[in-house]
Amino acid sequence: MTGFVHLVKLCVGAESVEDLLDWHRTNPSPFPTGERRHTTRMWPKRETEILAGGSLYWVVKGVILCRQRITRLDEVIGADGIRRCGIILDPQVIRTEPAPRRPFQGWRYLDPKDSPRDLPKGRATDTAALPEPLALALAEIGLR
């Protein structure tokens, strides 16, 4: 057992990591620390493992491309009175190696041994890196 677990979730409406970053730039954080909150219907049963070092891995157009560290889980009561889970995320978006994922609803647990590696800091905006379509094609056939 690794001691912690990640979550993986579709980044709905984003065509690229840059879209997520643009959304962060245009929608100020409600927290003084700059953290982000993503509200979801279900509360994770493995909360302790998530909070022991987990991240939320974002699936963009069928491929995991980035992650954000999960700092805590907050209770959020909607206007309808229903309890939801506010996943509180570190504001830093960390790009990862592309890893294809089939469509799914909600979020799923992701074992650290199955999670894509972070890209080195210099590669996040490296123009010498492989073009995104080629990198995605290589990831689909397991050559990432």
N, C-alpha and C. Protein backbone atom coordinates (compact mmCIF):
# COMPACT_ATOMS: atom_id res chain seq x y z
N MET A 1 0.84 -1.19 0.00
CA MET A 1 0.00 0.00 0.00
C MET A 1 0.88 1.25 0.00
N THR A 2 0.50 2.23 -0.82
CA THR A 2 1.30 3.43 -0.99
C THR A 2 1.08 4.46 0.10
N GLY A 3 -0.04 4.39 0.81
CA GLY A 3 -0.32 5.37 1.84
C GLY A 3 -1.18 6.53 1.37
N PHE A 4 -1.24 6.76 0.08
CA PHE A 4 -2.11 7.81 -0.44
C PHE A 4 -2.65 7.39 -1.79
N VAL A 5 -3.66 8.13 -2.24
CA VAL A 5 -4.31 7.85 -3.51
C VAL A 5 -4.67 9.19 -4.17
N HIS A 6 -4.74 9.19 -5.48
CA HIS A 6 -5.11 10.38 -6.25
C HIS A 6 -6.55 10.25 -6.73
N LEU A 7 -7.07 11.36 -7.26
CA LEU A 7 -8.33 11.36 -7.97
C LEU A 7 -8.05 11.74 -9.42
N VAL A 8 -8.88 11.26 -10.33
CA VAL A 8 -8.80 11.66 -11.73
C VAL A 8 -10.19 12.11 -12.15
N LYS A 9 -10.25 13.22 -12.90
CA LYS A 9 -11.54 13.82 -13.26
C LYS A 9 -11.43 14.49 -14.62
N LEU A 10 -12.54 14.47 -15.37
CA LEU A 10 -12.57 15.16 -16.65
C LEU A 10 -12.55 16.67 -16.41
N CYS A 11 -11.78 17.37 -17.22
CA CYS A 11 -11.72 18.83 -17.18
C CYS A 11 -12.70 19.33 -18.25
N VAL A 12 -13.97 19.32 -17.88
CA VAL A 12 -15.04 19.62 -18.83
C VAL A 12 -14.93 21.04 -19.36
N GLY A 13 -15.04 21.17 -20.67
CA GLY A 13 -14.99 22.47 -21.33
C GLY A 13 -13.61 22.93 -21.73
N ALA A 14 -12.58 22.24 -21.27
CA ALA A 14 -11.20 22.63 -21.61
C ALA A 14 -10.73 21.86 -22.84
N GLU A 15 -10.11 22.56 -23.75
CA GLU A 15 -9.52 21.96 -24.93
C GLU A 15 -8.03 21.72 -24.75
N SER A 16 -7.45 22.36 -23.71
CA SER A 16 -6.01 22.26 -23.46
C SER A 16 -5.74 22.66 -22.01
N VAL A 17 -4.52 22.42 -21.57
CA VAL A 17 -4.12 22.86 -20.22
C VAL A 17 -4.18 24.38 -20.16
N GLU A 18 -3.85 25.03 -21.26
CA GLU A 18 -3.90 26.49 -21.30
C GLU A 18 -5.31 27.01 -21.01
N ASP A 19 -6.35 26.28 -21.46
CA ASP A 19 -7.73 26.68 -21.14
C ASP A 19 -7.97 26.66 -19.64
N LEU A 20 -7.47 25.64 -18.95
CA LEU A 20 -7.60 25.56 -17.49
C LEU A 20 -6.86 26.73 -16.84
N LEU A 21 -5.66 27.00 -17.30
CA LEU A 21 -4.88 28.12 -16.76
C LEU A 21 -5.57 29.45 -17.02
N ASP A 22 -6.16 29.62 -18.22
CA ASP A 22 -6.91 30.84 -18.53
C ASP A 22 -8.11 31.00 -17.60
N TRP A 23 -8.80 29.88 -17.32
CA TRP A 23 -9.94 29.93 -16.42
C TRP A 23 -9.48 30.39 -15.03
N HIS A 24 -8.34 29.87 -14.58
CA HIS A 24 -7.81 30.29 -13.28
C HIS A 24 -7.50 31.79 -13.29
N ARG A 25 -6.94 32.28 -14.40
CA ARG A 25 -6.59 33.70 -14.48
C ARG A 25 -7.82 34.60 -14.49
N THR A 26 -8.90 34.15 -15.11
CA THR A 26 -10.08 35.00 -15.26
C THR A 26 -11.12 34.81 -14.16
N ASN A 27 -10.95 33.80 -13.31
CA ASN A 27 -11.87 33.55 -12.21
C ASN A 27 -11.09 33.55 -10.90
N PRO A 28 -11.08 34.69 -10.22
CA PRO A 28 -10.29 34.79 -8.99
C PRO A 28 -10.66 33.73 -7.96
N SER A 29 -9.66 33.30 -7.22
CA SER A 29 -9.87 32.32 -6.16
C SER A 29 -10.66 32.94 -5.02
N PRO A 30 -11.56 32.17 -4.41
CA PRO A 30 -12.29 32.70 -3.24
C PRO A 30 -11.46 32.65 -1.96
N PHE A 31 -10.26 32.08 -2.02
CA PHE A 31 -9.43 31.90 -0.84
C PHE A 31 -8.24 32.85 -0.87
N PRO A 32 -7.84 33.41 0.29
CA PRO A 32 -6.69 34.33 0.32
C PRO A 32 -5.38 33.65 -0.10
N THR A 33 -5.32 32.33 0.03
CA THR A 33 -4.11 31.58 -0.33
C THR A 33 -4.05 31.25 -1.82
N GLY A 34 -5.12 31.57 -2.57
CA GLY A 34 -5.13 31.29 -4.00
C GLY A 34 -5.60 29.89 -4.35
N GLU A 35 -5.95 29.09 -3.35
CA GLU A 35 -6.41 27.73 -3.63
C GLU A 35 -7.66 27.77 -4.49
N ARG A 36 -7.94 26.67 -5.15
CA ARG A 36 -9.11 26.51 -6.01
C ARG A 36 -10.05 25.49 -5.40
N ARG A 37 -11.34 25.66 -5.64
CA ARG A 37 -12.31 24.68 -5.15
C ARG A 37 -13.06 24.11 -6.34
N HIS A 38 -13.06 22.79 -6.42
CA HIS A 38 -13.87 22.09 -7.41
C HIS A 38 -14.92 21.30 -6.63
N THR A 39 -16.19 21.64 -6.84
CA THR A 39 -17.27 20.99 -6.10
C THR A 39 -17.80 19.80 -6.89
N THR A 40 -17.96 18.70 -6.18
CA THR A 40 -18.44 17.47 -6.78
C THR A 40 -19.54 16.88 -5.90
N ARG A 41 -20.39 16.08 -6.50
CA ARG A 41 -21.57 15.56 -5.80
C ARG A 41 -21.21 14.54 -4.72
N MET A 42 -20.26 13.67 -5.01
CA MET A 42 -19.95 12.57 -4.10
C MET A 42 -18.73 12.90 -3.22
N TRP A 43 -18.80 12.47 -1.96
CA TRP A 43 -17.69 12.63 -1.02
C TRP A 43 -16.83 11.36 -1.10
N PRO A 44 -15.52 11.49 -1.32
CA PRO A 44 -14.66 10.29 -1.40
C PRO A 44 -14.63 9.50 -0.09
N LYS A 45 -14.83 8.20 -0.19
CA LYS A 45 -14.75 7.34 0.99
C LYS A 45 -13.30 7.20 1.47
N ARG A 46 -12.35 7.41 0.56
CA ARG A 46 -10.93 7.25 0.89
C ARG A 46 -10.29 8.62 1.20
N GLU A 47 -11.03 9.45 1.92
CA GLU A 47 -10.59 10.80 2.24
C GLU A 47 -9.21 10.84 2.89
N THR A 48 -8.97 9.98 3.87
CA THR A 48 -7.69 9.98 4.59
C THR A 48 -6.54 9.73 3.63
N GLU A 49 -6.71 8.78 2.70
CA GLU A 49 -5.64 8.48 1.73
C GLU A 49 -5.43 9.63 0.76
N ILE A 50 -6.49 10.29 0.36
CA ILE A 50 -6.38 11.43 -0.55
C ILE A 50 -5.59 12.55 0.12
N LEU A 51 -5.93 12.82 1.38
CA LEU A 51 -5.30 13.93 2.09
C LEU A 51 -3.88 13.61 2.55
N ALA A 52 -3.44 12.39 2.36
CA ALA A 52 -2.07 11.99 2.74
C ALA A 52 -1.07 12.26 1.62
N GLY A 53 -1.47 13.00 0.58
CA GLY A 53 -0.53 13.33 -0.50
C GLY A 53 -1.11 13.23 -1.89
N GLY A 54 -2.43 13.14 -2.01
CA GLY A 54 -3.05 12.96 -3.31
C GLY A 54 -3.18 14.25 -4.12
N SER A 55 -3.36 14.05 -5.41
CA SER A 55 -3.60 15.14 -6.36
C SER A 55 -4.84 14.84 -7.17
N LEU A 56 -5.38 15.87 -7.79
CA LEU A 56 -6.46 15.69 -8.75
C LEU A 56 -5.81 15.77 -10.13
N TYR A 57 -5.88 14.65 -10.87
CA TYR A 57 -5.34 14.59 -12.23
C TYR A 57 -6.45 14.95 -13.19
N TRP A 58 -6.20 15.95 -14.05
CA TRP A 58 -7.20 16.45 -14.99
C TRP A 58 -7.08 15.75 -16.34
N VAL A 59 -8.21 15.24 -16.83
CA VAL A 59 -8.30 14.63 -18.16
C VAL A 59 -8.81 15.70 -19.11
N VAL A 60 -7.99 16.05 -20.10
CA VAL A 60 -8.34 17.06 -21.10
C VAL A 60 -8.45 16.36 -22.45
N LYS A 61 -9.64 16.39 -23.02
CA LYS A 61 -9.88 15.75 -24.33
C LYS A 61 -9.40 14.30 -24.37
N GLY A 62 -9.70 13.54 -23.32
CA GLY A 62 -9.39 12.11 -23.29
C GLY A 62 -7.99 11.75 -22.85
N VAL A 63 -7.22 12.73 -22.35
CA VAL A 63 -5.83 12.46 -21.95
C VAL A 63 -5.52 13.21 -20.66
N ILE A 64 -4.94 12.51 -19.66
CA ILE A 64 -4.45 13.22 -18.48
C ILE A 64 -3.26 14.08 -18.94
N LEU A 65 -3.33 15.38 -18.64
CA LEU A 65 -2.26 16.29 -19.05
C LEU A 65 -1.69 17.12 -17.90
N CYS A 66 -2.39 17.14 -16.75
CA CYS A 66 -1.90 17.94 -15.64
C CYS A 66 -2.56 17.49 -14.34
N ARG A 67 -2.06 18.06 -13.25
CA ARG A 67 -2.60 17.74 -11.94
C ARG A 67 -2.49 18.95 -11.03
N GLN A 68 -3.29 18.90 -9.95
CA GLN A 68 -3.18 19.88 -8.88
C GLN A 68 -3.23 19.11 -7.56
N ARG A 69 -2.37 19.47 -6.63
CA ARG A 69 -2.33 18.81 -5.33
C ARG A 69 -3.60 19.14 -4.54
N ILE A 70 -4.18 18.13 -3.91
CA ILE A 70 -5.38 18.31 -3.08
C ILE A 70 -4.93 18.71 -1.68
N THR A 71 -5.41 19.85 -1.20
CA THR A 71 -4.99 20.32 0.13
C THR A 71 -5.99 19.96 1.22
N ARG A 72 -7.28 19.88 0.86
CA ARG A 72 -8.29 19.47 1.83
C ARG A 72 -9.62 19.22 1.11
N LEU A 73 -10.58 18.70 1.86
CA LEU A 73 -11.94 18.50 1.36
C LEU A 73 -12.88 19.28 2.28
N ASP A 74 -13.68 20.16 1.69
CA ASP A 74 -14.61 20.99 2.47
C ASP A 74 -16.04 20.59 2.17
N GLU A 75 -16.88 20.67 3.19
CA GLU A 75 -18.30 20.46 2.98
C GLU A 75 -18.89 21.70 2.31
N VAL A 76 -19.68 21.48 1.27
CA VAL A 76 -20.35 22.56 0.56
C VAL A 76 -21.83 22.19 0.49
N ILE A 77 -22.67 23.06 1.03
CA ILE A 77 -24.11 22.84 0.97
C ILE A 77 -24.65 23.70 -0.18
N GLY A 78 -25.25 23.03 -1.18
CA GLY A 78 -25.78 23.74 -2.34
C GLY A 78 -27.04 24.49 -2.02
N ALA A 79 -27.48 25.32 -2.97
CA ALA A 79 -28.73 26.08 -2.81
C ALA A 79 -29.91 25.15 -2.61
N ASP A 80 -29.76 23.90 -3.07
CA ASP A 80 -30.82 22.90 -2.92
C ASP A 80 -30.77 22.18 -1.58
N GLY A 81 -29.80 22.56 -0.72
CA GLY A 81 -29.67 21.97 0.60
C GLY A 81 -28.91 20.65 0.62
N ILE A 82 -28.40 20.21 -0.53
CA ILE A 82 -27.68 18.94 -0.61
C ILE A 82 -26.21 19.14 -0.28
N ARG A 83 -25.67 18.23 0.53
CA ARG A 83 -24.25 18.25 0.92
C ARG A 83 -23.40 17.77 -0.26
N ARG A 84 -22.36 18.53 -0.58
CA ARG A 84 -21.43 18.16 -1.64
C ARG A 84 -20.00 18.27 -1.10
N CYS A 85 -19.06 17.79 -1.91
CA CYS A 85 -17.65 17.82 -1.52
C CYS A 85 -16.92 18.90 -2.31
N GLY A 86 -16.32 19.83 -1.60
CA GLY A 86 -15.47 20.84 -2.23
C GLY A 86 -14.03 20.34 -2.16
N ILE A 87 -13.49 19.95 -3.32
CA ILE A 87 -12.09 19.51 -3.39
C ILE A 87 -11.24 20.76 -3.49
N ILE A 88 -10.46 21.03 -2.47
CA ILE A 88 -9.64 22.24 -2.43
C ILE A 88 -8.27 21.89 -3.00
N LEU A 89 -7.89 22.66 -4.03
CA LEU A 89 -6.69 22.37 -4.82
C LEU A 89 -5.64 23.46 -4.66
N ASP A 90 -4.39 23.04 -4.62
CA ASP A 90 -3.28 23.98 -4.68
C ASP A 90 -3.42 24.76 -5.98
N PRO A 91 -3.12 26.06 -5.99
CA PRO A 91 -3.29 26.83 -7.22
C PRO A 91 -2.32 26.43 -8.35
N GLN A 92 -1.21 25.79 -8.01
CA GLN A 92 -0.23 25.43 -9.03
C GLN A 92 -0.73 24.24 -9.86
N VAL A 93 -0.74 24.43 -11.18
CA VAL A 93 -1.09 23.36 -12.12
C VAL A 93 0.21 22.76 -12.61
N ILE A 94 0.38 21.46 -12.39
CA ILE A 94 1.62 20.76 -12.76
C ILE A 94 1.32 19.90 -13.98
N ARG A 95 2.03 20.17 -15.06
CA ARG A 95 1.83 19.38 -16.28
C ARG A 95 2.44 17.99 -16.11
N THR A 96 1.78 17.01 -16.73
CA THR A 96 2.24 15.63 -16.65
C THR A 96 2.47 15.08 -18.05
N GLU A 97 3.11 13.93 -18.09
CA GLU A 97 3.20 13.22 -19.36
C GLU A 97 1.79 12.85 -19.79
N PRO A 98 1.49 12.89 -21.08
CA PRO A 98 0.14 12.52 -21.53
C PRO A 98 -0.17 11.05 -21.21
N ALA A 99 -1.38 10.81 -20.72
CA ALA A 99 -1.84 9.45 -20.41
C ALA A 99 -3.31 9.34 -20.81
N PRO A 100 -3.63 8.57 -21.85
CA PRO A 100 -5.01 8.48 -22.32
C PRO A 100 -5.95 7.86 -21.28
N ARG A 101 -7.19 8.33 -21.26
CA ARG A 101 -8.23 7.81 -20.38
C ARG A 101 -9.54 7.76 -21.15
N ARG A 102 -10.26 6.68 -20.99
CA ARG A 102 -11.59 6.55 -21.60
C ARG A 102 -12.56 7.46 -20.86
N PRO A 103 -13.63 7.88 -21.54
CA PRO A 103 -14.61 8.75 -20.89
C PRO A 103 -15.25 8.08 -19.67
N PHE A 104 -15.58 8.88 -18.67
CA PHE A 104 -16.25 8.41 -17.47
C PHE A 104 -16.96 9.60 -16.85
N GLN A 105 -17.85 9.32 -15.92
CA GLN A 105 -18.56 10.39 -15.22
C GLN A 105 -18.00 10.53 -13.81
N GLY A 106 -18.09 11.74 -13.28
CA GLY A 106 -17.63 11.97 -11.92
C GLY A 106 -16.12 11.92 -11.82
N TRP A 107 -15.62 11.32 -10.76
CA TRP A 107 -14.18 11.16 -10.58
C TRP A 107 -13.91 9.70 -10.27
N ARG A 108 -12.66 9.32 -10.40
CA ARG A 108 -12.21 7.95 -10.10
C ARG A 108 -10.96 8.06 -9.24
N TYR A 109 -10.71 7.00 -8.46
CA TYR A 109 -9.44 6.91 -7.74
C TYR A 109 -8.35 6.54 -8.72
N LEU A 110 -7.13 7.00 -8.45
CA LEU A 110 -5.97 6.71 -9.28
C LEU A 110 -4.82 6.33 -8.37
N ASP A 111 -4.36 5.09 -8.50
CA ASP A 111 -3.24 4.62 -7.70
C ASP A 111 -1.98 5.35 -8.15
N PRO A 112 -1.14 5.79 -7.22
CA PRO A 112 0.09 6.48 -7.61
C PRO A 112 0.96 5.71 -8.60
N LYS A 113 0.96 4.37 -8.53
CA LYS A 113 1.79 3.60 -9.47
C LYS A 113 1.25 3.69 -10.90
N ASP A 114 -0.02 4.08 -11.06
CA ASP A 114 -0.64 4.20 -12.38
C ASP A 114 -0.71 5.64 -12.87
N SER A 115 -0.23 6.57 -12.08
CA SER A 115 -0.33 7.98 -12.46
C SER A 115 0.84 8.40 -13.35
N PRO A 116 0.56 9.29 -14.30
CA PRO A 116 1.64 9.75 -15.18
C PRO A 116 2.65 10.60 -14.41
N ARG A 117 3.87 10.56 -14.87
CA ARG A 117 4.93 11.35 -14.24
C ARG A 117 4.76 12.82 -14.58
N ASP A 118 5.23 13.66 -13.66
CA ASP A 118 5.25 15.10 -13.91
C ASP A 118 6.27 15.39 -15.01
N LEU A 119 5.97 16.37 -15.84
CA LEU A 119 6.96 16.85 -16.80
C LEU A 119 8.00 17.67 -16.04
N PRO A 120 9.25 17.59 -16.45
CA PRO A 120 10.25 18.46 -15.83
C PRO A 120 9.82 19.92 -16.00
N LYS A 121 10.14 20.76 -15.03
CA LYS A 121 9.69 22.16 -15.05
C LYS A 121 9.99 22.86 -16.37
N GLY A 122 11.13 22.64 -16.95
CA GLY A 122 11.49 23.28 -18.21
C GLY A 122 10.69 22.80 -19.41
N ARG A 123 10.09 21.62 -19.32
CA ARG A 123 9.35 21.06 -20.45
C ARG A 123 7.92 21.56 -20.55
N ALA A 124 7.40 22.17 -19.50
CA ALA A 124 6.00 22.58 -19.51
C ALA A 124 5.69 23.55 -20.64
N THR A 125 6.64 24.40 -20.98
CA THR A 125 6.42 25.35 -22.07
C THR A 125 7.52 25.24 -23.12
N ASP A 126 8.21 24.14 -23.16
CA ASP A 126 9.32 23.92 -24.07
C ASP A 126 8.81 23.79 -25.51
N THR A 127 9.24 24.71 -26.37
CA THR A 127 8.80 24.66 -27.76
C THR A 127 9.50 23.55 -28.53
N ALA A 128 10.57 22.98 -27.98
CA ALA A 128 11.25 21.87 -28.65
C ALA A 128 10.61 20.52 -28.31
N ALA A 129 9.65 20.54 -27.40
CA ALA A 129 8.95 19.30 -27.05
C ALA A 129 8.13 18.83 -28.24
N LEU A 130 7.72 17.57 -28.21
CA LEU A 130 6.90 17.04 -29.28
C LEU A 130 5.61 17.83 -29.41
N PRO A 131 5.11 18.01 -30.62
CA PRO A 131 3.81 18.65 -30.78
C PRO A 131 2.75 17.84 -30.04
N GLU A 132 1.77 18.52 -29.44
CA GLU A 132 0.77 17.84 -28.62
C GLU A 132 0.08 16.68 -29.34
N PRO A 133 -0.35 16.81 -30.62
CA PRO A 133 -1.00 15.67 -31.27
C PRO A 133 -0.08 14.44 -31.36
N LEU A 134 1.20 14.65 -31.62
CA LEU A 134 2.14 13.54 -31.70
C LEU A 134 2.37 12.92 -30.33
N ALA A 135 2.51 13.76 -29.30
CA ALA A 135 2.69 13.26 -27.94
C ALA A 135 1.48 12.44 -27.51
N LEU A 136 0.27 12.90 -27.86
CA LEU A 136 -0.94 12.17 -27.51
C LEU A 136 -1.02 10.84 -28.25
N ALA A 137 -0.64 10.84 -29.53
CA ALA A 137 -0.66 9.59 -30.31
C ALA A 137 0.32 8.58 -29.73
N LEU A 138 1.50 9.03 -29.34
CA LEU A 138 2.48 8.13 -28.73
C LEU A 138 1.98 7.61 -27.39
N ALA A 139 1.29 8.46 -26.62
CA ALA A 139 0.75 8.01 -25.33
C ALA A 139 -0.32 6.95 -25.54
N GLU A 140 -1.13 7.10 -26.58
CA GLU A 140 -2.20 6.13 -26.84
C GLU A 140 -1.66 4.73 -27.14
N ILE A 141 -0.47 4.65 -27.75
CA ILE A 141 0.10 3.34 -28.05
C ILE A 141 1.12 2.90 -27.01
N GLY A 142 1.21 3.68 -25.92
CA GLY A 142 2.07 3.29 -24.80
C GLY A 142 3.51 3.71 -24.93
N LEU A 143 3.81 4.65 -25.81
CA LEU A 143 5.19 5.13 -25.98
C LEU A 143 5.33 6.57 -25.49
N ARG A 144 5.04 6.80 -24.23
CA ARG A 144 5.11 8.16 -23.74
C ARG A 144 6.45 8.54 -23.26
